[in-house]
Amino acid sequence: MINVYVQHETARSEELAEQVQDILAQAIPAVEKVTGMPAPDTVTVELVDIEGLATAWSAFIRRQVERDTAGLDLTEWQRKSVIALPRAERWTALKFGMGTEHTLIANSVGRPSTLLIPEALEQQGLTDPDQLCELLVRALAEQVQVAACDGTLVPGPVWPKTRAARNVNTLFSHGHAQWTSNQATPLILGHPVDRDDRRSQQNFFQKVLYLPEFGAAGQEARATAFVDQAIAAVGTDRFNHVWTVDGLLPTLDELRQPVSWIRRLPA
């Protein structure tokens, strides 16, 4: 099932919702084929404005930090940080949300949802059908990851707080999503999508908005190359143990040396 929720119904948002619905219907079998993993029972995309993004993101951070700190003996300073984090993340989303492509969240039982801001997509040139398809394939791949690991690895933990660019869960997830898009998008469109122009435009938005993720592109490219090398060596069935076997997430060092990680994989 595919659910596309529209926060504010306008002619443009309704048209975009139909595009998203149609692309996802084509993308699901392609993504399942290349990843060797099933899509979630329900694939959810929400078209929101910047306020809706901030509200949903803050609520997600609150759920995640409560999960990540459950049972921990926190100091007084840490308890104050836990309370303040959702509010701070709301402010960050309001300030930087228009520079994001898509935002992955999960509900209290680990069901994934992807948030899109129609105005942001227009500003970044992502309403072009090919670019929108490439984006949605990556978003779908992330939802497949969430379903595969029951939300334990993806989205990544938020406590202790780390920069997304240095969080190995996030790097690995994005690398796998990009690898999936590289493989699946040509199956849908009949040709690959050149992201060079998109990267240039995205870098412009990141520089203007001072996004903390700026500069992470090289790390994510390395993570994509890691997934490509690992799957070429062992196939998707063996590779996919990473989502279900504890302790198999690669380290930052292993992202540079896939062979050492491959040796750790179950046969």
C-alpha atoms as a PDB file:
ATOM      1  CA  MET A   1       0.000   0.000   0.000  1.00  0.00           C
ATOM      2  CA  ILE A   2       1.170   3.547  -0.776  1.00  0.00           C
ATOM      3  CA  ASN A   3      -0.065   6.453   1.360  1.00  0.00           C
ATOM      4  CA  VAL A   4       0.663  10.005   0.230  1.00  0.00           C
ATOM      5  CA  TYR A   5      -0.622  12.569   2.718  1.00  0.00           C
ATOM      6  CA  VAL A   6      -1.061  16.210   1.721  1.00  0.00           C
ATOM      7  CA  GLN A   7      -0.967  18.732   4.537  1.00  0.00           C
ATOM      8  CA  HIS A   8      -2.293  21.704   2.570  1.00  0.00           C
ATOM      9  CA  GLU A   9      -4.375  20.838  -0.452  1.00  0.00           C
ATOM     10  CA  THR A  10      -3.555  23.054  -3.406  1.00  0.00           C
ATOM     11  CA  ALA A  11      -3.630  22.304  -7.114  1.00  0.00           C
ATOM     12  CA  ARG A  12       0.174  22.014  -7.142  1.00  0.00           C
ATOM     13  CA  SER A  13       0.390  19.787  -4.085  1.00  0.00           C
ATOM     14  CA  GLU A  14      -2.333  17.494  -5.392  1.00  0.00           C
ATOM     15  CA  GLU A  15      -0.507  17.208  -8.717  1.00  0.00           C
ATOM     16  CA  LEU A  16       2.741  16.412  -6.897  1.00  0.00           C
ATOM     17  CA  ALA A  17       0.959  13.834  -4.741  1.00  0.00           C
ATOM     18  CA  GLU A  18      -0.237  12.050  -7.876  1.00  0.00           C
ATOM     19  CA  GLN A  19       3.298  12.117  -9.303  1.00  0.00           C
ATOM     20  CA  VAL A  20       4.700  10.662  -6.091  1.00  0.00           C
ATOM     21  CA  GLN A  21       2.037   7.941  -6.049  1.00  0.00           C
ATOM     22  CA  ASP A  22       2.727   6.949  -9.668  1.00  0.00           C
ATOM     23  CA  ILE A  23       6.521   6.931  -9.269  1.00  0.00           C
ATOM     24  CA  LEU A  24       6.423   4.882  -6.068  1.00  0.00           C
ATOM     25  CA  ALA A  25       4.146   2.304  -7.702  1.00  0.00           C
ATOM     26  CA  GLN A  26       6.829   1.784 -10.353  1.00  0.00           C
ATOM     27  CA  ALA A  27       9.722   2.063  -7.918  1.00  0.00           C
ATOM     28  CA  ILE A  28       8.643  -0.550  -5.366  1.00  0.00           C
ATOM     29  CA  PRO A  29       9.233  -3.645  -7.546  1.00  0.00           C
ATOM     30  CA  ALA A  30      12.494  -2.215  -8.881  1.00  0.00           C
ATOM     31  CA  VAL A  31      13.839  -1.431  -5.404  1.00  0.00           C
ATOM     32  CA  GLU A  32      12.776  -4.831  -4.088  1.00  0.00           C
ATOM     33  CA  LYS A  33      14.530  -6.493  -7.023  1.00  0.00           C
ATOM     34  CA  VAL A  34      17.891  -4.769  -6.648  1.00  0.00           C
ATOM     35  CA  THR A  35      18.021  -4.793  -2.828  1.00  0.00           C
ATOM     36  CA  GLY A  36      16.637  -8.276  -2.298  1.00  0.00           C
ATOM     37  CA  MET A  37      14.446  -6.873   0.491  1.00  0.00           C
ATOM     38  CA  PRO A  38      10.677  -6.259   0.654  1.00  0.00           C
ATOM     39  CA  ALA A  39       9.195  -2.793   0.870  1.00  0.00           C
ATOM     40  CA  PRO A  40       7.223  -1.921   4.014  1.00  0.00           C
ATOM     41  CA  ASP A  41       3.603  -3.046   4.040  1.00  0.00           C
ATOM     42  CA  THR A  42       2.726   0.646   3.795  1.00  0.00           C
ATOM     43  CA  VAL A  43       5.005   3.170   2.094  1.00  0.00           C
ATOM     44  CA  THR A  44       4.202   6.623   3.476  1.00  0.00           C
ATOM     45  CA  VAL A  45       5.123  10.018   2.067  1.00  0.00           C
ATOM     46  CA  GLU A  46       3.897  13.279   3.604  1.00  0.00           C
ATOM     47  CA  LEU A  47       3.822  16.580   1.717  1.00  0.00           C
ATOM     48  CA  VAL A  48       4.232  19.264   4.362  1.00  0.00           C
ATOM     49  CA  ASP A  49       5.186  22.902   4.743  1.00  0.00           C
ATOM     50  CA  ILE A  50       8.181  24.039   6.765  1.00  0.00           C
ATOM     51  CA  GLU A  51       6.106  24.264   9.956  1.00  0.00           C
ATOM     52  CA  GLY A  52       4.783  20.745   9.416  1.00  0.00           C
ATOM     53  CA  LEU A  53       8.317  19.468   8.885  1.00  0.00           C
ATOM     54  CA  ALA A  54       9.540  21.114  12.067  1.00  0.00           C
ATOM     55  CA  THR A  55       6.649  19.731  14.120  1.00  0.00           C
ATOM     56  CA  ALA A  56       7.027  16.182  12.794  1.00  0.00           C
ATOM     57  CA  TRP A  57      10.824  16.236  13.135  1.00  0.00           C
ATOM     58  CA  SER A  58      10.705  17.526  16.706  1.00  0.00           C
ATOM     59  CA  ALA A  59       8.206  14.828  17.686  1.00  0.00           C
ATOM     60  CA  PHE A  60      10.386  12.189  16.040  1.00  0.00           C
ATOM     61  CA  ILE A  61      13.491  13.406  17.894  1.00  0.00           C
ATOM     62  CA  ARG A  62      11.566  13.293  21.176  1.00  0.00           C
ATOM     63  CA  ARG A  63      10.576   9.657  20.533  1.00  0.00           C
ATOM     64  CA  GLN A  64      14.090   8.698  19.487  1.00  0.00           C
ATOM     65  CA  VAL A  65      15.867  10.323  22.401  1.00  0.00           C
ATOM     66  CA  GLU A  66      13.424   8.733  24.848  1.00  0.00           C
ATOM     67  CA  ARG A  67      14.164   5.360  23.245  1.00  0.00           C
ATOM     68  CA  ASP A  68      17.930   5.898  23.149  1.00  0.00           C
ATOM     69  CA  THR A  69      18.161   7.019  26.784  1.00  0.00           C
ATOM     70  CA  ALA A  70      15.735   4.483  28.294  1.00  0.00           C
ATOM     71  CA  GLY A  71      17.363   2.828  31.305  1.00  0.00           C
ATOM     72  CA  LEU A  72      20.436   5.076  31.273  1.00  0.00           C
ATOM     73  CA  ASP A  73      21.639   6.782  34.449  1.00  0.00           C
ATOM     74  CA  LEU A  74      21.844  10.320  33.079  1.00  0.00           C
ATOM     75  CA  THR A  75      23.543  13.223  34.780  1.00  0.00           C
ATOM     76  CA  GLU A  76      21.566  16.375  35.502  1.00  0.00           C
ATOM     77  CA  TRP A  77      23.217  18.090  32.523  1.00  0.00           C
ATOM     78  CA  GLN A  78      22.324  15.145  30.269  1.00  0.00           C
ATOM     79  CA  ARG A  79      18.706  15.181  31.439  1.00  0.00           C
ATOM     80  CA  LYS A  80      18.482  18.879  30.597  1.00  0.00           C
ATOM     81  CA  SER A  81      20.017  18.163  27.187  1.00  0.00           C
ATOM     82  CA  VAL A  82      17.443  15.419  26.529  1.00  0.00           C
ATOM     83  CA  ILE A  83      14.620  17.826  27.359  1.00  0.00           C
ATOM     84  CA  ALA A  84      16.114  20.617  25.233  1.00  0.00           C
ATOM     85  CA  LEU A  85      17.031  18.523  22.180  1.00  0.00           C
ATOM     86  CA  PRO A  86      13.567  18.280  20.520  1.00  0.00           C
ATOM     87  CA  ARG A  87      13.105  22.042  20.853  1.00  0.00           C
ATOM     88  CA  ALA A  88      16.549  22.712  19.396  1.00  0.00           C
ATOM     89  CA  GLU A  89      15.903  20.318  16.512  1.00  0.00           C
ATOM     90  CA  ARG A  90      12.628  22.069  15.777  1.00  0.00           C
ATOM     91  CA  TRP A  91      14.515  25.357  15.444  1.00  0.00           C
ATOM     92  CA  THR A  92      17.084  23.689  13.190  1.00  0.00           C
ATOM     93  CA  ALA A  93      14.346  22.293  10.956  1.00  0.00           C
ATOM     94  CA  LEU A  94      12.684  25.690  10.673  1.00  0.00           C
ATOM     95  CA  LYS A  95      15.976  27.339   9.737  1.00  0.00           C
ATOM     96  CA  PHE A  96      17.426  24.725   7.410  1.00  0.00           C
ATOM     97  CA  GLY A  97      14.452  22.647   6.244  1.00  0.00           C
ATOM     98  CA  MET A  98      14.098  24.384   2.885  1.00  0.00           C
ATOM     99  CA  GLY A  99      17.579  23.165   1.975  1.00  0.00           C
ATOM    100  CA  THR A 100      16.767  19.480   2.503  1.00  0.00           C
ATOM    101  CA  GLU A 101      15.664  17.049  -0.202  1.00  0.00           C
ATOM    102  CA  HIS A 102      13.688  14.687   1.999  1.00  0.00           C
ATOM    103  CA  THR A 103      13.476  13.789   5.665  1.00  0.00           C
ATOM    104  CA  LEU A 104      13.082  10.279   7.053  1.00  0.00           C
ATOM    105  CA  ILE A 105      11.255   9.786  10.342  1.00  0.00           C
ATOM    106  CA  ALA A 106       9.710   6.792  12.098  1.00  0.00           C
ATOM    107  CA  ASN A 107       6.753   6.504  14.437  1.00  0.00           C
ATOM    108  CA  SER A 108       6.773   4.967  17.908  1.00  0.00           C
ATOM    109  CA  VAL A 109       6.675   1.404  16.538  1.00  0.00           C
ATOM    110  CA  GLY A 110       9.329   1.984  13.890  1.00  0.00           C
ATOM    111  CA  ARG A 111       7.125   2.495  10.830  1.00  0.00           C
ATOM    112  CA  PRO A 112       8.881   4.853   8.417  1.00  0.00           C
ATOM    113  CA  SER A 113       7.606   7.985   6.736  1.00  0.00           C
ATOM    114  CA  THR A 114       9.292  10.402   4.317  1.00  0.00           C
ATOM    115  CA  LEU A 115       8.609  14.125   4.583  1.00  0.00           C
ATOM    116  CA  LEU A 116       8.776  16.326   1.484  1.00  0.00           C
ATOM    117  CA  ILE A 117       8.333  20.093   1.259  1.00  0.00           C
ATOM    118  CA  PRO A 118       6.878  20.881  -2.190  1.00  0.00           C
ATOM    119  CA  GLU A 119       8.297  24.428  -2.218  1.00  0.00           C
ATOM    120  CA  ALA A 120      11.762  23.124  -1.351  1.00  0.00           C
ATOM    121  CA  LEU A 121      11.599  20.583  -4.166  1.00  0.00           C
ATOM    122  CA  GLU A 122      10.750  23.360  -6.601  1.00  0.00           C
ATOM    123  CA  GLN A 123      13.603  25.562  -5.385  1.00  0.00           C
ATOM    124  CA  GLN A 124      16.083  22.710  -5.734  1.00  0.00           C
ATOM    125  CA  GLY A 125      14.929  21.561  -9.177  1.00  0.00           C
ATOM    126  CA  LEU A 126      13.555  18.291  -7.877  1.00  0.00           C
ATOM    127  CA  THR A 127      10.156  18.538  -9.525  1.00  0.00           C
ATOM    128  CA  ASP A 128      11.726  17.451 -12.810  1.00  0.00           C
ATOM    129  CA  PRO A 129      10.279  13.939 -13.337  1.00  0.00           C
ATOM    130  CA  ASP A 130      13.668  12.218 -13.580  1.00  0.00           C
ATOM    131  CA  GLN A 131      15.117  13.992 -10.553  1.00  0.00           C
ATOM    132  CA  LEU A 132      11.941  13.357  -8.547  1.00  0.00           C
ATOM    133  CA  CYS A 133      12.114   9.675  -9.445  1.00  0.00           C
ATOM    134  CA  GLU A 134      15.761   9.442  -8.358  1.00  0.00           C
ATOM    135  CA  LEU A 135      14.926  11.162  -5.075  1.00  0.00           C
ATOM    136  CA  LEU A 136      11.943   8.928  -4.352  1.00  0.00           C
ATOM    137  CA  VAL A 137      13.938   5.776  -5.076  1.00  0.00           C
ATOM    138  CA  ARG A 138      16.477   6.842  -2.443  1.00  0.00           C
ATOM    139  CA  ALA A 139      13.674   7.680  -0.013  1.00  0.00           C
ATOM    140  CA  LEU A 140      12.032   4.310  -0.667  1.00  0.00           C
ATOM    141  CA  ALA A 141      15.342   2.510  -0.128  1.00  0.00           C
ATOM    142  CA  GLU A 142      15.596   4.131   3.296  1.00  0.00           C
ATOM    143  CA  GLN A 143      12.090   2.949   4.172  1.00  0.00           C
ATOM    144  CA  VAL A 144      13.071  -0.564   3.062  1.00  0.00           C
ATOM    145  CA  GLN A 145      16.044  -0.360   5.439  1.00  0.00           C
ATOM    146  CA  VAL A 146      13.803   0.705   8.327  1.00  0.00           C
ATOM    147  CA  ALA A 147      11.486  -2.217   7.673  1.00  0.00           C
ATOM    148  CA  ALA A 148      14.410  -4.652   7.433  1.00  0.00           C
ATOM    149  CA  CYS A 149      15.960  -3.639  10.765  1.00  0.00           C
ATOM    150  CA  ASP A 150      12.666  -2.851  12.553  1.00  0.00           C
ATOM    151  CA  GLY A 151      13.867   0.701  13.054  1.00  0.00           C
ATOM    152  CA  THR A 152      16.850  -0.287  15.218  1.00  0.00           C
ATOM    153  CA  LEU A 153      19.572   1.034  12.876  1.00  0.00           C
ATOM    154  CA  VAL A 154      17.707   3.430  10.592  1.00  0.00           C
ATOM    155  CA  PRO A 155      16.910   6.211  11.330  1.00  0.00           C
ATOM    156  CA  GLY A 156      20.149   6.491  13.274  1.00  0.00           C
ATOM    157  CA  PRO A 157      20.270   7.041  17.031  1.00  0.00           C
ATOM    158  CA  VAL A 158      20.118  10.638  18.269  1.00  0.00           C
ATOM    159  CA  TRP A 159      21.785  10.043  21.639  1.00  0.00           C
ATOM    160  CA  PRO A 160      24.563  10.634  22.307  1.00  0.00           C
ATOM    161  CA  LYS A 161      24.125  13.495  19.853  1.00  0.00           C
ATOM    162  CA  THR A 162      26.539  13.346  16.920  1.00  0.00           C
ATOM    163  CA  ARG A 163      26.797  15.194  13.646  1.00  0.00           C
ATOM    164  CA  ALA A 164      24.865  13.386  10.934  1.00  0.00           C
ATOM    165  CA  ALA A 165      27.928  13.526   8.659  1.00  0.00           C
ATOM    166  CA  ARG A 166      29.880  11.459  11.231  1.00  0.00           C
ATOM    167  CA  ASN A 167      27.145   9.055  12.233  1.00  0.00           C
ATOM    168  CA  VAL A 168      27.996   5.704  10.681  1.00  0.00           C
ATOM    169  CA  ASN A 169      24.346   4.593  10.709  1.00  0.00           C
ATOM    170  CA  THR A 170      23.404   7.622   8.640  1.00  0.00           C
ATOM    171  CA  LEU A 171      26.382   7.303   6.298  1.00  0.00           C
ATOM    172  CA  PHE A 172      25.727   3.628   5.705  1.00  0.00           C
ATOM    173  CA  SER A 173      22.005   4.213   5.155  1.00  0.00           C
ATOM    174  CA  HIS A 174      22.616   7.005   2.652  1.00  0.00           C
ATOM    175  CA  GLY A 175      25.283   4.984   0.868  1.00  0.00           C
ATOM    176  CA  HIS A 176      22.965   2.016   0.493  1.00  0.00           C
ATOM    177  CA  ALA A 177      20.111   4.272  -0.634  1.00  0.00           C
ATOM    178  CA  GLN A 178      22.309   5.888  -3.293  1.00  0.00           C
ATOM    179  CA  TRP A 179      23.571   2.490  -4.467  1.00  0.00           C
ATOM    180  CA  THR A 180      19.964   1.338  -4.718  1.00  0.00           C
ATOM    181  CA  SER A 181      19.058   4.394  -6.762  1.00  0.00           C
ATOM    182  CA  ASN A 182      22.019   3.837  -9.087  1.00  0.00           C
ATOM    183  CA  GLN A 183      20.749   0.309  -9.769  1.00  0.00           C
ATOM    184  CA  ALA A 184      16.974   0.784  -9.680  1.00  0.00           C
ATOM    185  CA  THR A 185      16.344   4.153 -11.315  1.00  0.00           C
ATOM    186  CA  PRO A 186      17.500   2.973 -14.786  1.00  0.00           C
ATOM    187  CA  LEU A 187      15.081   0.032 -14.477  1.00  0.00           C
ATOM    188  CA  ILE A 188      12.224   2.503 -13.974  1.00  0.00           C
ATOM    189  CA  LEU A 189      13.173   5.246 -16.426  1.00  0.00           C
ATOM    190  CA  GLY A 190      15.173   3.264 -18.966  1.00  0.00           C
ATOM    191  CA  HIS A 191      18.218   5.478 -18.343  1.00  0.00           C
ATOM    192  CA  PRO A 192      20.335   6.672 -15.426  1.00  0.00           C
ATOM    193  CA  VAL A 193      19.834  10.104 -13.879  1.00  0.00           C
ATOM    194  CA  ASP A 194      22.825  12.451 -13.890  1.00  0.00           C
ATOM    195  CA  ARG A 195      23.044  14.058 -10.466  1.00  0.00           C
ATOM    196  CA  ASP A 196      26.015  16.332 -11.232  1.00  0.00           C
ATOM    197  CA  ASP A 197      23.806  19.389 -11.733  1.00  0.00           C
ATOM    198  CA  ARG A 198      21.812  18.498  -8.636  1.00  0.00           C
ATOM    199  CA  ARG A 199      24.962  18.192  -6.534  1.00  0.00           C
ATOM    200  CA  SER A 200      26.119  21.641  -7.654  1.00  0.00           C
ATOM    201  CA  GLN A 201      22.756  23.166  -6.829  1.00  0.00           C
ATOM    202  CA  GLN A 202      22.558  21.330  -3.506  1.00  0.00           C
ATOM    203  CA  ASN A 203      26.038  22.548  -2.566  1.00  0.00           C
ATOM    204  CA  PHE A 204      24.894  26.095  -3.337  1.00  0.00           C
ATOM    205  CA  PHE A 205      21.905  25.766  -0.991  1.00  0.00           C
ATOM    206  CA  GLN A 206      24.086  24.230   1.703  1.00  0.00           C
ATOM    207  CA  LYS A 207      26.637  27.033   1.483  1.00  0.00           C
ATOM    208  CA  VAL A 208      23.943  29.697   1.618  1.00  0.00           C
ATOM    209  CA  LEU A 209      22.141  28.061   4.549  1.00  0.00           C
ATOM    210  CA  TYR A 210      25.289  26.877   6.378  1.00  0.00           C
ATOM    211  CA  LEU A 211      23.920  23.369   6.663  1.00  0.00           C
ATOM    212  CA  PRO A 212      25.934  21.165   9.041  1.00  0.00           C
ATOM    213  CA  GLU A 213      25.790  18.368   6.458  1.00  0.00           C
ATOM    214  CA  PHE A 214      27.863  20.422   3.991  1.00  0.00           C
ATOM    215  CA  GLY A 215      31.071  18.598   3.259  1.00  0.00           C
ATOM    216  CA  ALA A 216      29.566  15.173   3.925  1.00  0.00           C
ATOM    217  CA  ALA A 217      29.221  14.387   0.204  1.00  0.00           C
ATOM    218  CA  GLY A 218      32.664  12.775   0.068  1.00  0.00           C
ATOM    219  CA  GLN A 219      31.883  10.519   3.024  1.00  0.00           C
ATOM    220  CA  GLU A 220      28.562   9.481   1.519  1.00  0.00           C
ATOM    221  CA  ALA A 221      30.263   8.775  -1.826  1.00  0.00           C
ATOM    222  CA  ARG A 222      32.685   6.524   0.051  1.00  0.00           C
ATOM    223  CA  ALA A 223      29.757   4.766   1.728  1.00  0.00           C
ATOM    224  CA  THR A 224      28.100   4.237  -1.670  1.00  0.00           C
ATOM    225  CA  ALA A 225      31.316   2.777  -3.057  1.00  0.00           C
ATOM    226  CA  PHE A 226      31.536   0.524   0.007  1.00  0.00           C
ATOM    227  CA  VAL A 227      28.059  -0.889  -0.659  1.00  0.00           C
ATOM    228  CA  ASP A 228      28.853  -1.351  -4.337  1.00  0.00           C
ATOM    229  CA  GLN A 229      32.066  -3.276  -3.599  1.00  0.00           C
ATOM    230  CA  ALA A 230      30.539  -5.355  -0.832  1.00  0.00           C
ATOM    231  CA  ILE A 231      27.478  -6.427  -2.819  1.00  0.00           C
ATOM    232  CA  ALA A 232      29.609  -7.154  -5.883  1.00  0.00           C
ATOM    233  CA  ALA A 233      31.730  -9.436  -3.700  1.00  0.00           C
ATOM    234  CA  VAL A 234      29.076 -11.307  -1.685  1.00  0.00           C
ATOM    235  CA  GLY A 235      25.651 -10.595  -3.249  1.00  0.00           C
ATOM    236  CA  THR A 236      22.596  -9.042  -1.656  1.00  0.00           C
ATOM    237  CA  ASP A 237      21.492 -12.065   0.391  1.00  0.00           C
ATOM    238  CA  ARG A 238      24.698 -12.158   2.404  1.00  0.00           C
ATOM    239  CA  PHE A 239      25.075  -8.379   2.488  1.00  0.00           C
ATOM    240  CA  ASN A 240      21.574  -7.961   3.925  1.00  0.00           C
ATOM    241  CA  HIS A 241      22.604  -9.706   7.142  1.00  0.00           C
ATOM    242  CA  VAL A 242      23.752  -6.215   8.185  1.00  0.00           C
ATOM    243  CA  TRP A 243      20.132  -5.227   8.827  1.00  0.00           C
ATOM    244  CA  THR A 244      19.236  -8.216  11.024  1.00  0.00           C
ATOM    245  CA  VAL A 245      22.415  -9.407  12.792  1.00  0.00           C
ATOM    246  CA  ASP A 246      23.625  -7.388  15.788  1.00  0.00           C
ATOM    247  CA  GLY A 247      27.056  -5.824  15.505  1.00  0.00           C
ATOM    248  CA  LEU A 248      27.444  -6.015  11.723  1.00  0.00           C
ATOM    249  CA  LEU A 249      27.180  -2.311  11.001  1.00  0.00           C
ATOM    250  CA  PRO A 250      30.532  -1.265   9.458  1.00  0.00           C
ATOM    251  CA  THR A 251      32.824   1.063  11.337  1.00  0.00           C
ATOM    252  CA  LEU A 252      34.160   4.246   9.784  1.00  0.00           C
ATOM    253  CA  ASP A 253      37.461   2.465   9.149  1.00  0.00           C
ATOM    254  CA  GLU A 254      35.658  -0.435   7.477  1.00  0.00           C
ATOM    255  CA  LEU A 255      33.828   1.969   5.183  1.00  0.00           C
ATOM    256  CA  ARG A 256      37.275   2.656   3.739  1.00  0.00           C
ATOM    257  CA  GLN A 257      38.222  -1.035   3.678  1.00  0.00           C
ATOM    258  CA  PRO A 258      35.244  -3.194   2.633  1.00  0.00           C
ATOM    259  CA  VAL A 259      37.328  -6.383   2.618  1.00  0.00           C
ATOM    260  CA  SER A 260      37.776  -6.279   6.387  1.00  0.00           C
ATOM    261  CA  TRP A 261      34.010  -5.912   6.867  1.00  0.00           C
ATOM    262  CA  ILE A 262      33.210  -8.691   4.409  1.00  0.00           C
ATOM    263  CA  ARG A 263      35.269 -11.092   6.513  1.00  0.00           C
ATOM    264  CA  ARG A 264      32.870 -10.447   9.411  1.00  0.00           C
ATOM    265  CA  LEU A 265      29.756 -11.363   7.452  1.00  0.00           C
ATOM    266  CA  PRO A 266      27.990 -14.653   8.273  1.00  0.00           C
ATOM    267  CA  ALA A 267      28.378 -17.203   5.509  1.00  0.00           C
END
